[in-house]
Each structure stands twice: as C-alpha cells, then as structure tokens.
Amino acid sequence: MGLITRILERSDSFQGRVASRQQIQLQLDFPQHQKWVELFKGWWLEGLTSWRKRNEQGDCIFLCELGPPEYAMTDAHGKEMSNRWEEALTIKGWIEGMWSDLENASS
C-alpha cells in the first residue's frame, strides 16, 4: 500500500488544488501540468471512495483551496496566469461528478 493511500484512507476532508514538486498551485489547463491534474484527480477519487466506505451518512467536506498571488503563479507584472475562480469551479465540477458517479455505483 502506498503512503498516499494510507493517508487517504484516514482522511475526513479534502482540499482541492493541483501542485507539483516545484509549485504549490498549477494552472489546470496548461498542457505541461496535465500529468499532475490527472494524479490529483485520481487521489481525490480514491479519497472520496474511501470516505464513502467508512461513512454511511454525513457530509464529506471538499474545499477548493486556491490561494492568491504568491501561491498562484504570476507573470513578470504580478498578474495571475489563470483565472483562479474559474479553476475552482472546474475542480468543483470534477468533484461533483466523481461524487455522483460513486452514488450511482452504490445504488
């Protein structure tokens, strides 16, 4: 069992942002970031699946946690390189889709 799996199996809530080894927050639609996007989506699905197995009822908390500059990458003028609000809504949509798929699979 991997270390991340061990953490996910004990998690009661989740935070939504995509990071790499070099950057705390990555733009979701940049091609070079897609390997990280897919990795995090897999972890979120694994975590949500584990949470549902451990909790027959209650609320699973998922927080889209996208910070302002200096967390978000900026250009030479300090302007964010992506729309963080839109990215938060994108992550929200992914999680709602995963949650719905898990609900449908269990019914």
PDB file of N, CA and C in Angstrom:
ATOM      1  N   MET A   1       0.841  -1.172   0.000  1.00  0.00           N
ATOM      2  CA  MET A   1       0.000   0.000   0.000  1.00  0.00           C
ATOM      3  C   MET A   1       0.889   1.238   0.000  1.00  0.00           C
ATOM      4  N   GLY A   2       0.546   2.217  -0.847  1.00  0.00           N
ATOM      5  CA  GLY A   2       1.331   3.438  -0.928  1.00  0.00           C
ATOM      6  C   GLY A   2       1.056   4.387   0.227  1.00  0.00           C
ATOM      7  N   LEU A   3       1.979   5.285   0.445  1.00  0.00           N
ATOM      8  CA  LEU A   3       1.836   6.233   1.545  1.00  0.00           C
ATOM      9  C   LEU A   3       0.641   7.158   1.355  1.00  0.00           C
ATOM     10  N   ILE A   4       0.403   7.611   0.132  1.00  0.00           N
ATOM     11  CA  ILE A   4      -0.755   8.483  -0.114  1.00  0.00           C
ATOM     12  C   ILE A   4      -2.047   7.722   0.161  1.00  0.00           C
ATOM     13  N   THR A   5      -2.114   6.478  -0.234  1.00  0.00           N
ATOM     14  CA  THR A   5      -3.300   5.663   0.042  1.00  0.00           C
ATOM     15  C   THR A   5      -3.540   5.558   1.538  1.00  0.00           C
ATOM     16  N   ARG A   6      -2.497   5.374   2.294  1.00  0.00           N
ATOM     17  CA  ARG A   6      -2.641   5.291   3.757  1.00  0.00           C
ATOM     18  C   ARG A   6      -3.226   6.585   4.322  1.00  0.00           C
ATOM     19  N   ILE A   7      -2.794   7.705   3.794  1.00  0.00           N
ATOM     20  CA  ILE A   7      -3.339   8.995   4.244  1.00  0.00           C
ATOM     21  C   ILE A   7      -4.797   9.135   3.815  1.00  0.00           C
ATOM     22  N   LEU A   8      -5.088   8.812   2.570  1.00  0.00           N
ATOM     23  CA  LEU A   8      -6.456   8.959   2.060  1.00  0.00           C
ATOM     24  C   LEU A   8      -7.447   8.077   2.810  1.00  0.00           C
ATOM     25  N   GLU A   9      -6.999   6.905   3.227  1.00  0.00           N
ATOM     26  CA  GLU A   9      -7.877   6.002   3.966  1.00  0.00           C
ATOM     27  C   GLU A   9      -8.241   6.531   5.350  1.00  0.00           C
ATOM     28  N   ARG A  10      -7.546   7.533   5.816  1.00  0.00           N
ATOM     29  CA  ARG A  10      -7.811   8.113   7.134  1.00  0.00           C
ATOM     30  C   ARG A  10      -8.358   9.539   7.042  1.00  0.00           C
ATOM     31  N   SER A  11      -8.544  10.042   5.831  1.00  0.00           N
ATOM     32  CA  SER A  11      -8.946  11.440   5.637  1.00  0.00           C
ATOM     33  C   SER A  11     -10.445  11.621   5.802  1.00  0.00           C
ATOM     34  N   ASP A  12     -10.798  12.666   6.510  1.00  0.00           N
ATOM     35  CA  ASP A  12     -12.210  13.003   6.703  1.00  0.00           C
ATOM     36  C   ASP A  12     -12.634  14.212   5.891  1.00  0.00           C
ATOM     37  N   SER A  13     -11.688  14.905   5.282  1.00  0.00           N
ATOM     38  CA  SER A  13     -11.989  16.033   4.402  1.00  0.00           C
ATOM     39  C   SER A  13     -10.846  16.144   3.389  1.00  0.00           C
ATOM     40  N   PHE A  14     -11.084  16.938   2.363  1.00  0.00           N
ATOM     41  CA  PHE A  14     -10.120  17.026   1.264  1.00  0.00           C
ATOM     42  C   PHE A  14      -9.989  18.474   0.803  1.00  0.00           C
ATOM     43  N   GLN A  15      -8.799  18.819   0.290  1.00  0.00           N
ATOM     44  CA  GLN A  15      -8.560  20.138  -0.256  1.00  0.00           C
ATOM     45  C   GLN A  15      -8.308  20.026  -1.738  1.00  0.00           C
ATOM     46  N   GLY A  16      -8.844  20.973  -2.473  1.00  0.00           N
ATOM     47  CA  GLY A  16      -8.749  20.929  -3.923  1.00  0.00           C
ATOM     48  C   GLY A  16      -7.828  21.978  -4.494  1.00  0.00           C
ATOM     49  N   ARG A  17      -6.662  21.547  -4.869  1.00  0.00           N
ATOM     50  CA  ARG A  17      -5.738  22.314  -5.685  1.00  0.00           C
ATOM     51  C   ARG A  17      -4.782  21.311  -6.290  1.00  0.00           C
ATOM     52  N   VAL A  18      -4.144  21.690  -7.370  1.00  0.00           N
ATOM     53  CA  VAL A  18      -3.189  20.815  -8.024  1.00  0.00           C
ATOM     54  C   VAL A  18      -1.804  21.448  -7.868  1.00  0.00           C
ATOM     55  N   ALA A  19      -0.860  20.652  -7.426  1.00  0.00           N
ATOM     56  CA  ALA A  19       0.505  21.119  -7.197  1.00  0.00           C
ATOM     57  C   ALA A  19       1.486  20.161  -7.858  1.00  0.00           C
ATOM     58  N   SER A  20       2.719  20.598  -7.922  1.00  0.00           N
ATOM     59  CA  SER A  20       3.812  19.737  -8.384  1.00  0.00           C
ATOM     60  C   SER A  20       4.931  19.801  -7.354  1.00  0.00           C
ATOM     61  N   ARG A  21       6.014  19.152  -7.656  1.00  0.00           N
ATOM     62  CA  ARG A  21       7.162  19.222  -6.752  1.00  0.00           C
ATOM     63  C   ARG A  21       7.771  20.624  -6.711  1.00  0.00           C
ATOM     64  N   GLN A  22       7.520  21.407  -7.768  1.00  0.00           N
ATOM     65  CA  GLN A  22       8.142  22.718  -7.879  1.00  0.00           C
ATOM     66  C   GLN A  22       7.206  23.889  -7.559  1.00  0.00           C
ATOM     67  N   GLN A  23       5.903  23.692  -7.617  1.00  0.00           N
ATOM     68  CA  GLN A  23       4.959  24.801  -7.489  1.00  0.00           C
ATOM     69  C   GLN A  23       3.765  24.380  -6.647  1.00  0.00           C
ATOM     70  N   ILE A  24       3.343  25.252  -5.733  1.00  0.00           N
ATOM     71  CA  ILE A  24       2.262  24.929  -4.816  1.00  0.00           C
ATOM     72  C   ILE A  24       0.887  24.911  -5.502  1.00  0.00           C
ATOM     73  N   GLN A  25       0.721  25.678  -6.572  1.00  0.00           N
ATOM     74  CA  GLN A  25      -0.530  25.678  -7.340  1.00  0.00           C
ATOM     75  C   GLN A  25      -0.197  25.751  -8.819  1.00  0.00           C
ATOM     76  N   LEU A  26      -0.831  24.894  -9.588  1.00  0.00           N
ATOM     77  CA  LEU A  26      -0.618  24.863 -11.026  1.00  0.00           C
ATOM     78  C   LEU A  26      -1.891  25.247 -11.771  1.00  0.00           C
ATOM     79  N   GLN A  27      -1.715  25.801 -12.964  1.00  0.00           N
ATOM     80  CA  GLN A  27      -2.857  26.086 -13.829  1.00  0.00           C
ATOM     81  C   GLN A  27      -3.391  24.763 -14.370  1.00  0.00           C
ATOM     82  N   LEU A  28      -4.702  24.615 -14.316  1.00  0.00           N
ATOM     83  CA  LEU A  28      -5.325  23.340 -14.675  1.00  0.00           C
ATOM     84  C   LEU A  28      -5.285  23.045 -16.161  1.00  0.00           C
ATOM     85  N   ASP A  29      -5.277  24.066 -16.994  1.00  0.00           N
ATOM     86  CA  ASP A  29      -5.393  23.801 -18.432  1.00  0.00           C
ATOM     87  C   ASP A  29      -4.075  23.900 -19.194  1.00  0.00           C
ATOM     88  N   PHE A  30      -2.955  24.141 -18.509  1.00  0.00           N
ATOM     89  CA  PHE A  30      -1.671  24.160 -19.196  1.00  0.00           C
ATOM     90  C   PHE A  30      -1.290  22.718 -19.547  1.00  0.00           C
ATOM     91  N   PRO A  31      -0.914  22.461 -20.807  1.00  0.00           N
ATOM     92  CA  PRO A  31      -0.591  21.081 -21.210  1.00  0.00           C
ATOM     93  C   PRO A  31       0.488  20.423 -20.349  1.00  0.00           C
ATOM     94  N   GLN A  32       1.494  21.171 -19.955  1.00  0.00           N
ATOM     95  CA  GLN A  32       2.587  20.592 -19.180  1.00  0.00           C
ATOM     96  C   GLN A  32       2.172  20.199 -17.770  1.00  0.00           C
ATOM     97  N   HIS A  33       0.976  20.612 -17.340  1.00  0.00           N
ATOM     98  CA  HIS A  33       0.507  20.291 -15.989  1.00  0.00           C
ATOM     99  C   HIS A  33      -0.467  19.114 -15.955  1.00  0.00           C
ATOM    100  N   GLN A  34      -0.791  18.559 -17.092  1.00  0.00           N
ATOM    101  CA  GLN A  34      -1.833  17.537 -17.144  1.00  0.00           C
ATOM    102  C   GLN A  34      -1.481  16.277 -16.359  1.00  0.00           C
ATOM    103  N   LYS A  35      -0.209  15.903 -16.301  1.00  0.00           N
ATOM    104  CA  LYS A  35       0.150  14.714 -15.517  1.00  0.00           C
ATOM    105  C   LYS A  35      -0.174  14.945 -14.043  1.00  0.00           C
ATOM    106  N   TRP A  36      -0.018  16.174 -13.563  1.00  0.00           N
ATOM    107  CA  TRP A  36      -0.325  16.499 -12.165  1.00  0.00           C
ATOM    108  C   TRP A  36      -1.830  16.578 -11.950  1.00  0.00           C
ATOM    109  N   VAL A  37      -2.543  17.140 -12.913  1.00  0.00           N
ATOM    110  CA  VAL A  37      -4.005  17.205 -12.819  1.00  0.00           C
ATOM    111  C   VAL A  37      -4.574  15.794 -12.695  1.00  0.00           C
ATOM    112  N   GLU A  38      -4.127  14.896 -13.542  1.00  0.00           N
ATOM    113  CA  GLU A  38      -4.644  13.522 -13.510  1.00  0.00           C
ATOM    114  C   GLU A  38      -4.261  12.807 -12.217  1.00  0.00           C
ATOM    115  N   LEU A  39      -3.063  13.056 -11.721  1.00  0.00           N
ATOM    116  CA  LEU A  39      -2.636  12.452 -10.460  1.00  0.00           C
ATOM    117  C   LEU A  39      -3.551  12.900  -9.311  1.00  0.00           C
ATOM    118  N   PHE A  40      -3.808  14.194  -9.224  1.00  0.00           N
ATOM    119  CA  PHE A  40      -4.650  14.704  -8.149  1.00  0.00           C
ATOM    120  C   PHE A  40      -6.094  14.233  -8.296  1.00  0.00           C
ATOM    121  N   LYS A  41      -6.606  14.198  -9.519  1.00  0.00           N
ATOM    122  CA  LYS A  41      -7.972  13.689  -9.714  1.00  0.00           C
ATOM    123  C   LYS A  41      -8.067  12.234  -9.249  1.00  0.00           C
ATOM    124  N   GLY A  42      -7.043  11.453  -9.512  1.00  0.00           N
ATOM    125  CA  GLY A  42      -7.023  10.067  -9.043  1.00  0.00           C
ATOM    126  C   GLY A  42      -7.001   9.988  -7.529  1.00  0.00           C
ATOM    127  N   TRP A  43      -6.199  10.840  -6.893  1.00  0.00           N
ATOM    128  CA  TRP A  43      -6.159  10.862  -5.427  1.00  0.00           C
ATOM    129  C   TRP A  43      -7.497  11.286  -4.848  1.00  0.00           C
ATOM    130  N   TRP A  44      -8.128  12.303  -5.441  1.00  0.00           N
ATOM    131  CA  TRP A  44      -9.433  12.744  -4.930  1.00  0.00           C
ATOM    132  C   TRP A  44     -10.466  11.630  -5.044  1.00  0.00           C
ATOM    133  N   LEU A  45     -10.478  10.945  -6.184  1.00  0.00           N
ATOM    134  CA  LEU A  45     -11.426   9.845  -6.348  1.00  0.00           C
ATOM    135  C   LEU A  45     -11.149   8.740  -5.338  1.00  0.00           C
ATOM    136  N   GLU A  46      -9.902   8.404  -5.150  1.00  0.00           N
ATOM    137  CA  GLU A  46      -9.540   7.384  -4.159  1.00  0.00           C
ATOM    138  C   GLU A  46      -9.980   7.819  -2.754  1.00  0.00           C
ATOM    139  N   GLY A  47      -9.739   9.072  -2.425  1.00  0.00           N
ATOM    140  CA  GLY A  47     -10.129   9.583  -1.112  1.00  0.00           C
ATOM    141  C   GLY A  47     -11.632   9.603  -0.914  1.00  0.00           C
ATOM    142  N   LEU A  48     -12.370  10.061  -1.918  1.00  0.00           N
ATOM    143  CA  LEU A  48     -13.837  10.092  -1.814  1.00  0.00           C
ATOM    144  C   LEU A  48     -14.404   8.679  -1.712  1.00  0.00           C
ATOM    145  N   THR A  49     -13.838   7.759  -2.473  1.00  0.00           N
ATOM    146  CA  THR A  49     -14.284   6.366  -2.428  1.00  0.00           C
ATOM    147  C   THR A  49     -14.070   5.791  -1.036  1.00  0.00           C
ATOM    148  N   SER A  50     -12.903   6.031  -0.478  1.00  0.00           N
ATOM    149  CA  SER A  50     -12.594   5.552   0.868  1.00  0.00           C
ATOM    150  C   SER A  50     -13.520   6.187   1.906  1.00  0.00           C
ATOM    151  N   TRP A  51     -13.761   7.481   1.769  1.00  0.00           N
ATOM    152  CA  TRP A  51     -14.636   8.185   2.712  1.00  0.00           C
ATOM    153  C   TRP A  51     -16.036   7.570   2.709  1.00  0.00           C
ATOM    154  N   ARG A  52     -16.560   7.310   1.515  1.00  0.00           N
ATOM    155  CA  ARG A  52     -17.908   6.735   1.408  1.00  0.00           C
ATOM    156  C   ARG A  52     -17.974   5.341   2.023  1.00  0.00           C
ATOM    157  N   LYS A  53     -16.920   4.563   1.910  1.00  0.00           N
ATOM    158  CA  LYS A  53     -16.903   3.225   2.508  1.00  0.00           C
ATOM    159  C   LYS A  53     -16.930   3.293   4.029  1.00  0.00           C
ATOM    160  N   ARG A  54     -16.341   4.341   4.585  1.00  0.00           N
ATOM    161  CA  ARG A  54     -16.248   4.487   6.039  1.00  0.00           C
ATOM    162  C   ARG A  54     -17.423   5.251   6.649  1.00  0.00           C
ATOM    163  N   ASN A  55     -18.213   5.929   5.827  1.00  0.00           N
ATOM    164  CA  ASN A  55     -19.279   6.792   6.327  1.00  0.00           C
ATOM    165  C   ASN A  55     -20.576   6.526   5.577  1.00  0.00           C
ATOM    166  N   GLU A  56     -21.535   5.952   6.259  1.00  0.00           N
ATOM    167  CA  GLU A  56     -22.813   5.678   5.627  1.00  0.00           C
ATOM    168  C   GLU A  56     -23.643   6.944   5.460  1.00  0.00           C
ATOM    169  N   GLN A  57     -23.387   7.927   6.294  1.00  0.00           N
ATOM    170  CA  GLN A  57     -24.097   9.195   6.183  1.00  0.00           C
ATOM    171  C   GLN A  57     -23.183  10.312   6.655  1.00  0.00           C
ATOM    172  N   GLY A  58     -23.648  11.536   6.497  1.00  0.00           N
ATOM    173  CA  GLY A  58     -22.856  12.690   6.893  1.00  0.00           C
ATOM    174  C   GLY A  58     -22.368  13.451   5.679  1.00  0.00           C
ATOM    175  N   ASP A  59     -21.632  14.495   5.950  1.00  0.00           N
ATOM    176  CA  ASP A  59     -21.129  15.361   4.894  1.00  0.00           C
ATOM    177  C   ASP A  59     -19.626  15.188   4.721  1.00  0.00           C
ATOM    178  N   CYS A  60     -19.228  14.954   3.520  1.00  0.00           N
ATOM    179  CA  CYS A  60     -17.814  14.931   3.185  1.00  0.00           C
ATOM    180  C   CYS A  60     -17.437  16.357   2.772  1.00  0.00           C
ATOM    181  N   ILE A  61     -16.432  16.899   3.397  1.00  0.00           N
ATOM    182  CA  ILE A  61     -16.028  18.273   3.120  1.00  0.00           C
ATOM    183  C   ILE A  61     -14.906  18.275   2.096  1.00  0.00           C
ATOM    184  N   PHE A  62     -15.127  19.028   1.028  1.00  0.00           N
ATOM    185  CA  PHE A  62     -14.112  19.227  -0.004  1.00  0.00           C
ATOM    186  C   PHE A  62     -13.988  20.721  -0.227  1.00  0.00           C
ATOM    187  N   LEU A  63     -12.828  21.276   0.046  1.00  0.00           N
ATOM    188  CA  LEU A  63     -12.582  22.706  -0.052  1.00  0.00           C
ATOM    189  C   LEU A  63     -11.676  22.994  -1.235  1.00  0.00           C
ATOM    190  N   CYS A  64     -12.193  23.771  -2.204  1.00  0.00           N
ATOM    191  CA  CYS A  64     -11.336  24.242  -3.293  1.00  0.00           C
ATOM    192  C   CYS A  64     -10.432  25.315  -2.707  1.00  0.00           C
ATOM    193  N   GLU A  65      -9.166  24.993  -2.568  1.00  0.00           N
ATOM    194  CA  GLU A  65      -8.246  25.831  -1.820  1.00  0.00           C
ATOM    195  C   GLU A  65      -7.218  26.436  -2.770  1.00  0.00           C
ATOM    196  N   LEU A  66      -7.659  27.485  -3.473  1.00  0.00           N
ATOM    197  CA  LEU A  66      -6.769  28.167  -4.413  1.00  0.00           C
ATOM    198  C   LEU A  66      -6.442  29.538  -3.857  1.00  0.00           C
ATOM    199  N   GLY A  67      -5.201  29.744  -3.545  1.00  0.00           N
ATOM    200  CA  GLY A  67      -4.787  30.993  -2.937  1.00  0.00           C
ATOM    201  C   GLY A  67      -4.451  32.077  -3.944  1.00  0.00           C
ATOM    202  N   PRO A  68      -4.292  33.282  -3.448  1.00  0.00           N
ATOM    203  CA  PRO A  68      -3.956  34.428  -4.296  1.00  0.00           C
ATOM    204  C   PRO A  68      -2.462  34.428  -4.628  1.00  0.00           C
ATOM    205  N   PRO A  69      -2.033  35.395  -5.458  1.00  0.00           N
ATOM    206  CA  PRO A  69      -0.589  35.522  -5.624  1.00  0.00           C
ATOM    207  C   PRO A  69       0.018  35.675  -4.244  1.00  0.00           C
ATOM    208  N   GLU A  70       0.880  35.135  -4.002  1.00  0.00           N
ATOM    209  CA  GLU A  70       2.098  34.463  -4.332  1.00  0.00           C
ATOM    210  C   GLU A  70       1.979  32.952  -4.336  1.00  0.00           C
ATOM    211  N   TYR A  71       0.823  32.425  -4.049  1.00  0.00           N
ATOM    212  CA  TYR A  71       0.616  30.987  -4.225  1.00  0.00           C
ATOM    213  C   TYR A  71       0.397  30.680  -5.695  1.00  0.00           C
ATOM    214  N   ALA A  72      -0.498  31.437  -6.308  1.00  0.00           N
ATOM    215  CA  ALA A  72      -0.754  31.260  -7.732  1.00  0.00           C
ATOM    216  C   ALA A  72       0.434  31.800  -8.520  1.00  0.00           C
ATOM    217  N   MET A  73       0.731  31.152  -9.626  1.00  0.00           N
ATOM    218  CA  MET A  73       1.835  31.616 -10.462  1.00  0.00           C
ATOM    219  C   MET A  73       1.445  32.928 -11.126  1.00  0.00           C
ATOM    220  N   THR A  74       2.386  33.845 -11.215  1.00  0.00           N
ATOM    221  CA  THR A  74       2.147  35.155 -11.819  1.00  0.00           C
ATOM    222  C   THR A  74       3.191  35.434 -12.888  1.00  0.00           C
ATOM    223  N   ASP A  75       2.849  36.388 -13.763  1.00  0.00           N
ATOM    224  CA  ASP A  75       3.801  36.793 -14.796  1.00  0.00           C
ATOM    225  C   ASP A  75       4.745  37.861 -14.241  1.00  0.00           C
ATOM    226  N   ALA A  76       5.543  38.464 -15.105  1.00  0.00           N
ATOM    227  CA  ALA A  76       6.544  39.449 -14.680  1.00  0.00           C
ATOM    228  C   ALA A  76       5.921  40.690 -14.048  1.00  0.00           C
ATOM    229  N   HIS A  77       4.627  40.928 -14.304  1.00  0.00           N
ATOM    230  CA  HIS A  77       3.946  42.104 -13.772  1.00  0.00           C
ATOM    231  C   HIS A  77       3.087  41.773 -12.549  1.00  0.00           C
ATOM    232  N   GLY A  78       3.166  40.543 -12.062  1.00  0.00           N
ATOM    233  CA  GLY A  78       2.389  40.144 -10.892  1.00  0.00           C
ATOM    234  C   GLY A  78       0.963  39.735 -11.209  1.00  0.00           C
ATOM    235  N   LYS A  79       0.626  39.627 -12.495  1.00  0.00           N
ATOM    236  CA  LYS A  79      -0.725  39.226 -12.913  1.00  0.00           C
ATOM    237  C   LYS A  79      -0.826  37.701 -12.913  1.00  0.00           C
ATOM    238  N   GLU A  80      -1.903  37.205 -12.326  1.00  0.00           N
ATOM    239  CA  GLU A  80      -2.102  35.751 -12.312  1.00  0.00           C
ATOM    240  C   GLU A  80      -2.168  35.206 -13.737  1.00  0.00           C
ATOM    241  N   MET A  81      -1.643  34.012 -13.922  1.00  0.00           N
ATOM    242  CA  MET A  81      -1.565  33.414 -15.245  1.00  0.00           C
ATOM    243  C   MET A  81      -2.803  32.593 -15.602  1.00  0.00           C
ATOM    244  N   SER A  82      -3.768  32.533 -14.678  1.00  0.00           N
ATOM    245  CA  SER A  82      -5.026  31.838 -14.951  1.00  0.00           C
ATOM    246  C   SER A  82      -6.106  32.453 -14.069  1.00  0.00           C
ATOM    247  N   ASN A  83      -7.342  32.120 -14.366  1.00  0.00           N
ATOM    248  CA  ASN A  83      -8.474  32.629 -13.600  1.00  0.00           C
ATOM    249  C   ASN A  83      -8.755  31.646 -12.466  1.00  0.00           C
ATOM    250  N   ARG A  84      -8.354  31.994 -11.261  1.00  0.00           N
ATOM    251  CA  ARG A  84      -8.459  31.082 -10.118  1.00  0.00           C
ATOM    252  C   ARG A  84      -9.915  30.764  -9.787  1.00  0.00           C
ATOM    253  N   TRP A  85     -10.820  31.710  -9.972  1.00  0.00           N
ATOM    254  CA  TRP A  85     -12.234  31.451  -9.716  1.00  0.00           C
ATOM    255  C   TRP A  85     -12.747  30.372 -10.671  1.00  0.00           C
ATOM    256  N   GLU A  86     -12.429  30.515 -11.948  1.00  0.00           N
ATOM    257  CA  GLU A  86     -12.856  29.517 -12.930  1.00  0.00           C
ATOM    258  C   GLU A  86     -12.228  28.149 -12.623  1.00  0.00           C
ATOM    259  N   GLU A  87     -10.995  28.150 -12.198  1.00  0.00           N
ATOM    260  CA  GLU A  87     -10.348  26.881 -11.856  1.00  0.00           C
ATOM    261  C   GLU A  87     -11.016  26.237 -10.640  1.00  0.00           C
ATOM    262  N   ALA A  88     -11.407  27.045  -9.664  1.00  0.00           N
ATOM    263  CA  ALA A  88     -12.118  26.491  -8.504  1.00  0.00           C
ATOM    264  C   ALA A  88     -13.440  25.869  -8.937  1.00  0.00           C
ATOM    265  N   LEU A  89     -14.143  26.532  -9.856  1.00  0.00           N
ATOM    266  CA  LEU A  89     -15.403  25.974 -10.357  1.00  0.00           C
ATOM    267  C   LEU A  89     -15.167  24.690 -11.154  1.00  0.00           C
ATOM    268  N   THR A  90     -14.052  24.627 -11.873  1.00  0.00           N
ATOM    269  CA  THR A  90     -13.702  23.409 -12.611  1.00  0.00           C
ATOM    270  C   THR A  90     -13.478  22.250 -11.648  1.00  0.00           C
ATOM    271  N   ILE A  91     -12.687  22.494 -10.602  1.00  0.00           N
ATOM    272  CA  ILE A  91     -12.434  21.450  -9.611  1.00  0.00           C
ATOM    273  C   ILE A  91     -13.740  21.038  -8.945  1.00  0.00           C
ATOM    274  N   LYS A  92     -14.574  22.005  -8.600  1.00  0.00           N
ATOM    275  CA  LYS A  92     -15.882  21.716  -8.002  1.00  0.00           C
ATOM    276  C   LYS A  92     -16.689  20.783  -8.909  1.00  0.00           C
ATOM    277  N   GLY A  93     -16.687  21.067 -10.197  1.00  0.00           N
ATOM    278  CA  GLY A  93     -17.402  20.223 -11.150  1.00  0.00           C
ATOM    279  C   GLY A  93     -16.849  18.812 -11.204  1.00  0.00           C
ATOM    280  N   TRP A  94     -15.536  18.684 -11.175  1.00  0.00           N
ATOM    281  CA  TRP A  94     -14.920  17.343 -11.179  1.00  0.00           C
ATOM    282  C   TRP A  94     -15.367  16.554  -9.956  1.00  0.00           C
ATOM    283  N   ILE A  95     -15.327  17.197  -8.789  1.00  0.00           N
ATOM    284  CA  ILE A  95     -15.667  16.506  -7.548  1.00  0.00           C
ATOM    285  C   ILE A  95     -17.142  16.145  -7.521  1.00  0.00           C
ATOM    286  N   GLU A  96     -17.999  17.051  -7.961  1.00  0.00           N
ATOM    287  CA  GLU A  96     -19.432  16.736  -8.019  1.00  0.00           C
ATOM    288  C   GLU A  96     -19.687  15.556  -8.948  1.00  0.00           C
ATOM    289  N   GLY A  97     -18.966  15.492 -10.064  1.00  0.00           N
ATOM    290  CA  GLY A  97     -19.108  14.370 -10.981  1.00  0.00           C
ATOM    291  C   GLY A  97     -18.637  13.061 -10.360  1.00  0.00           C
ATOM    292  N   MET A  98     -17.496  13.102  -9.682  1.00  0.00           N
ATOM    293  CA  MET A  98     -16.990  11.901  -9.002  1.00  0.00           C
ATOM    294  C   MET A  98     -17.976  11.437  -7.938  1.00  0.00           C
ATOM    295  N   TRP A  99     -18.475  12.373  -7.145  1.00  0.00           N
ATOM    296  CA  TRP A  99     -19.403  12.043  -6.064  1.00  0.00           C
ATOM    297  C   TRP A  99     -20.682  11.421  -6.634  1.00  0.00           C
ATOM    298  N   SER A 100     -21.191  12.006  -7.708  1.00  0.00           N
ATOM    299  CA  SER A 100     -22.394  11.473  -8.352  1.00  0.00           C
ATOM    300  C   SER A 100     -22.146  10.065  -8.893  1.00  0.00           C
ATOM    301  N   ASP A 101     -21.000   9.856  -9.520  1.00  0.00           N
ATOM    302  CA  ASP A 101     -20.657   8.523 -10.041  1.00  0.00           C
ATOM    303  C   ASP A 101     -20.584   7.505  -8.903  1.00  0.00           C
ATOM    304  N   LEU A 102     -20.018   7.901  -7.761  1.00  0.00           N
ATOM    305  CA  LEU A 102     -19.935   6.995  -6.608  1.00  0.00           C
ATOM    306  C   LEU A 102     -21.320   6.686  -6.051  1.00  0.00           C
ATOM    307  N   GLU A 103     -22.188   7.685  -6.010  1.00  0.00           N
ATOM    308  CA  GLU A 103     -23.563   7.463  -5.549  1.00  0.00           C
ATOM    309  C   GLU A 103     -24.292   6.501  -6.471  1.00  0.00           C
ATOM    310  N   ASN A 104     -24.147   6.702  -7.771  1.00  0.00           N
ATOM    311  CA  ASN A 104     -24.819   5.836  -8.740  1.00  0.00           C
ATOM    312  C   ASN A 104     -24.291   4.403  -8.680  1.00  0.00           C
ATOM    313  N   ALA A 105     -23.001   4.266  -8.435  1.00  0.00           N
ATOM    314  CA  ALA A 105     -22.395   2.926  -8.353  1.00  0.00           C
ATOM    315  C   ALA A 105     -22.873   2.157  -7.114  1.00  0.00           C
ATOM    316  N   SER A 106     -23.214   2.892  -6.055  1.00  0.00           N
ATOM    317  CA  SER A 106     -23.629   2.225  -4.818  1.00  0.00           C
ATOM    318  C   SER A 106     -25.125   1.953  -4.766  1.00  0.00           C
ATOM    319  N   SER A 107     -25.891   2.501  -5.720  1.00  0.00           N
ATOM    320  CA  SER A 107     -27.339   2.260  -5.673  1.00  0.00           C
ATOM    321  C   SER A 107     -27.765   1.089  -6.512  1.00  0.00           C
TER     322      SER A 107
END
